[in-house]
Amino acid sequence: NPTTHIRYEAMVPYVTGQKPVFFRAQTYKAILQALKFAEVFKLRPVILGGGEAWKLADRLAEKNVFVSIRGSAMRVSPHLYNSEEDIMRLIKVLAETM
């Protein structure tokens, strides 16, 4: 396609969900905003930092969304065994806390 720009073409795997998109977010609010943004644009989010992610642990457990607490951070690490439904449930629970 002659109108395709090489810089935009490089983004295709990220906006189509083939590759994760990394967000640097430390605070509770910033983490929720990153996850909501990822949900709206159907991205596969990975949160870097996540200093206040532990604040979401109870809400996630209540909804049967499994995560790992590491010190004062929460690790969310989707695996090939996780279904799309699992990921969407995680995003929904996080979005509900906004």
C-alpha atoms as a PDB file:
ATOM      1  CA  ASN A   1       0.000   0.000   0.000  1.00  0.00           C
ATOM      2  CA  PRO A   2       1.686   3.243  -1.107  1.00  0.00           C
ATOM      3  CA  THR A   3       0.003   5.281   1.662  1.00  0.00           C
ATOM      4  CA  THR A   4       1.375   3.119   4.503  1.00  0.00           C
ATOM      5  CA  HIS A   5       4.021   4.889   6.521  1.00  0.00           C
ATOM      6  CA  ILE A   6       6.818   2.703   7.857  1.00  0.00           C
ATOM      7  CA  ARG A   7       6.562   4.216  11.365  1.00  0.00           C
ATOM      8  CA  TYR A   8       2.873   3.368  11.570  1.00  0.00           C
ATOM      9  CA  GLU A   9       3.443  -0.074  10.140  1.00  0.00           C
ATOM     10  CA  ALA A  10       5.772  -0.843  13.061  1.00  0.00           C
ATOM     11  CA  MET A  11       2.865  -0.258  15.470  1.00  0.00           C
ATOM     12  CA  VAL A  12       0.582  -2.882  13.882  1.00  0.00           C
ATOM     13  CA  PRO A  13       1.583  -5.798  16.175  1.00  0.00           C
ATOM     14  CA  TYR A  14       0.880  -3.631  19.229  1.00  0.00           C
ATOM     15  CA  VAL A  15      -2.487  -2.196  18.207  1.00  0.00           C
ATOM     16  CA  THR A  16      -3.711  -5.582  17.003  1.00  0.00           C
ATOM     17  CA  GLY A  17      -2.846  -7.288  20.310  1.00  0.00           C
ATOM     18  CA  GLN A  18      -0.072  -9.455  18.919  1.00  0.00           C
ATOM     19  CA  LYS A  19       2.472  -7.793  21.227  1.00  0.00           C
ATOM     20  CA  PRO A  20       2.047  -6.199  24.663  1.00  0.00           C
ATOM     21  CA  VAL A  21       2.165  -2.459  25.251  1.00  0.00           C
ATOM     22  CA  PHE A  22       4.200  -1.318  28.265  1.00  0.00           C
ATOM     23  CA  PHE A  23       2.954   1.424  30.578  1.00  0.00           C
ATOM     24  CA  ARG A  24       5.100   2.974  33.301  1.00  0.00           C
ATOM     25  CA  ALA A  25       2.735   3.606  36.217  1.00  0.00           C
ATOM     26  CA  GLN A  26       3.507   3.793  39.934  1.00  0.00           C
ATOM     27  CA  THR A  27       0.395   5.195  41.580  1.00  0.00           C
ATOM     28  CA  TYR A  28      -2.970   3.524  42.010  1.00  0.00           C
ATOM     29  CA  LYS A  29      -4.632   6.124  39.785  1.00  0.00           C
ATOM     30  CA  ALA A  30      -1.966   5.920  37.063  1.00  0.00           C
ATOM     31  CA  ILE A  31      -2.218   2.116  36.978  1.00  0.00           C
ATOM     32  CA  LEU A  32      -5.995   2.266  36.622  1.00  0.00           C
ATOM     33  CA  GLN A  33      -5.733   4.908  33.888  1.00  0.00           C
ATOM     34  CA  ALA A  34      -3.239   2.789  31.948  1.00  0.00           C
ATOM     35  CA  LEU A  35      -5.476  -0.267  32.208  1.00  0.00           C
ATOM     36  CA  LYS A  36      -8.563   1.674  31.156  1.00  0.00           C
ATOM     37  CA  PHE A  37      -6.674   3.104  28.163  1.00  0.00           C
ATOM     38  CA  ALA A  38      -5.554  -0.407  27.228  1.00  0.00           C
ATOM     39  CA  GLU A  39      -9.130  -1.683  27.520  1.00  0.00           C
ATOM     40  CA  VAL A  40     -10.559   1.092  25.332  1.00  0.00           C
ATOM     41  CA  PHE A  41      -7.990   0.490  22.595  1.00  0.00           C
ATOM     42  CA  LYS A  42      -7.916  -3.305  23.048  1.00  0.00           C
ATOM     43  CA  LEU A  43      -4.221  -3.363  23.913  1.00  0.00           C
ATOM     44  CA  ARG A  44      -2.314  -5.998  25.904  1.00  0.00           C
ATOM     45  CA  PRO A  45      -1.050  -3.931  28.851  1.00  0.00           C
ATOM     46  CA  VAL A  46       2.032  -4.602  30.926  1.00  0.00           C
ATOM     47  CA  ILE A  47       2.496  -2.285  33.901  1.00  0.00           C
ATOM     48  CA  LEU A  48       6.080  -1.335  34.714  1.00  0.00           C
ATOM     49  CA  GLY A  49       6.751  -0.136  38.232  1.00  0.00           C
ATOM     50  CA  GLY A  50       3.350  -0.608  39.845  1.00  0.00           C
ATOM     51  CA  GLY A  51       4.397   0.683  43.269  1.00  0.00           C
ATOM     52  CA  GLU A  52       0.799   1.036  44.489  1.00  0.00           C
ATOM     53  CA  ALA A  53      -0.638  -1.976  42.651  1.00  0.00           C
ATOM     54  CA  TRP A  54      -1.043  -3.779  45.979  1.00  0.00           C
ATOM     55  CA  LYS A  55      -4.002  -1.459  46.718  1.00  0.00           C
ATOM     56  CA  LEU A  56      -6.046  -3.373  44.137  1.00  0.00           C
ATOM     57  CA  ALA A  57      -5.317  -6.849  45.533  1.00  0.00           C
ATOM     58  CA  ASP A  58      -8.520  -7.317  47.590  1.00  0.00           C
ATOM     59  CA  ARG A  59     -10.796  -6.175  44.776  1.00  0.00           C
ATOM     60  CA  LEU A  60      -9.096  -8.495  42.317  1.00  0.00           C
ATOM     61  CA  ALA A  61      -9.263 -11.482  44.668  1.00  0.00           C
ATOM     62  CA  GLU A  62     -12.950 -10.795  45.284  1.00  0.00           C
ATOM     63  CA  LYS A  63     -13.539 -11.158  41.522  1.00  0.00           C
ATOM     64  CA  ASN A  64     -11.343 -14.290  41.255  1.00  0.00           C
ATOM     65  CA  VAL A  65      -8.649 -12.490  39.308  1.00  0.00           C
ATOM     66  CA  PHE A  66      -5.354 -14.068  40.317  1.00  0.00           C
ATOM     67  CA  VAL A  67      -2.231 -11.970  40.713  1.00  0.00           C
ATOM     68  CA  SER A  68       1.007 -12.202  42.627  1.00  0.00           C
ATOM     69  CA  ILE A  69       1.940  -9.646  45.284  1.00  0.00           C
ATOM     70  CA  ARG A  70       5.672  -8.951  45.300  1.00  0.00           C
ATOM     71  CA  GLY A  71       6.605  -6.699  48.195  1.00  0.00           C
ATOM     72  CA  SER A  72       4.599  -3.541  47.671  1.00  0.00           C
ATOM     73  CA  ALA A  73       3.821  -4.346  44.033  1.00  0.00           C
ATOM     74  CA  MET A  74       1.385  -6.620  42.283  1.00  0.00           C
ATOM     75  CA  ARG A  75       2.576  -8.730  39.385  1.00  0.00           C
ATOM     76  CA  VAL A  76       0.109  -9.415  36.612  1.00  0.00           C
ATOM     77  CA  SER A  77       1.689 -11.778  34.145  1.00  0.00           C
ATOM     78  CA  PRO A  78      -0.648 -13.264  31.547  1.00  0.00           C
ATOM     79  CA  HIS A  79       0.418 -16.644  30.272  1.00  0.00           C
ATOM     80  CA  LEU A  80      -0.541 -18.626  27.223  1.00  0.00           C
ATOM     81  CA  TYR A  81      -2.809 -20.688  29.520  1.00  0.00           C
ATOM     82  CA  ASN A  82      -4.876 -17.593  30.320  1.00  0.00           C
ATOM     83  CA  SER A  83      -7.891 -17.160  28.125  1.00  0.00           C
ATOM     84  CA  GLU A  84      -9.075 -13.906  26.641  1.00  0.00           C
ATOM     85  CA  GLU A  85     -11.930 -14.125  29.161  1.00  0.00           C
ATOM     86  CA  ASP A  86      -9.392 -14.175  32.034  1.00  0.00           C
ATOM     87  CA  ILE A  87      -7.690 -11.042  30.742  1.00  0.00           C
ATOM     88  CA  MET A  88     -10.962  -9.234  30.134  1.00  0.00           C
ATOM     89  CA  ARG A  89     -12.113 -10.092  33.678  1.00  0.00           C
ATOM     90  CA  LEU A  90      -8.898  -8.563  35.034  1.00  0.00           C
ATOM     91  CA  ILE A  91      -9.372  -5.394  33.009  1.00  0.00           C
ATOM     92  CA  LYS A  92     -13.054  -5.159  34.004  1.00  0.00           C
ATOM     93  CA  VAL A  93     -12.285  -5.434  37.708  1.00  0.00           C
ATOM     94  CA  LEU A  94      -9.542  -2.845  37.459  1.00  0.00           C
ATOM     95  CA  ALA A  95     -11.777  -0.509  35.475  1.00  0.00           C
ATOM     96  CA  GLU A  96     -14.575  -0.842  38.066  1.00  0.00           C
ATOM     97  CA  THR A  97     -12.275   0.540  40.749  1.00  0.00           C
ATOM     98  CA  MET A  98     -11.780   3.825  38.901  1.00  0.00           C
END
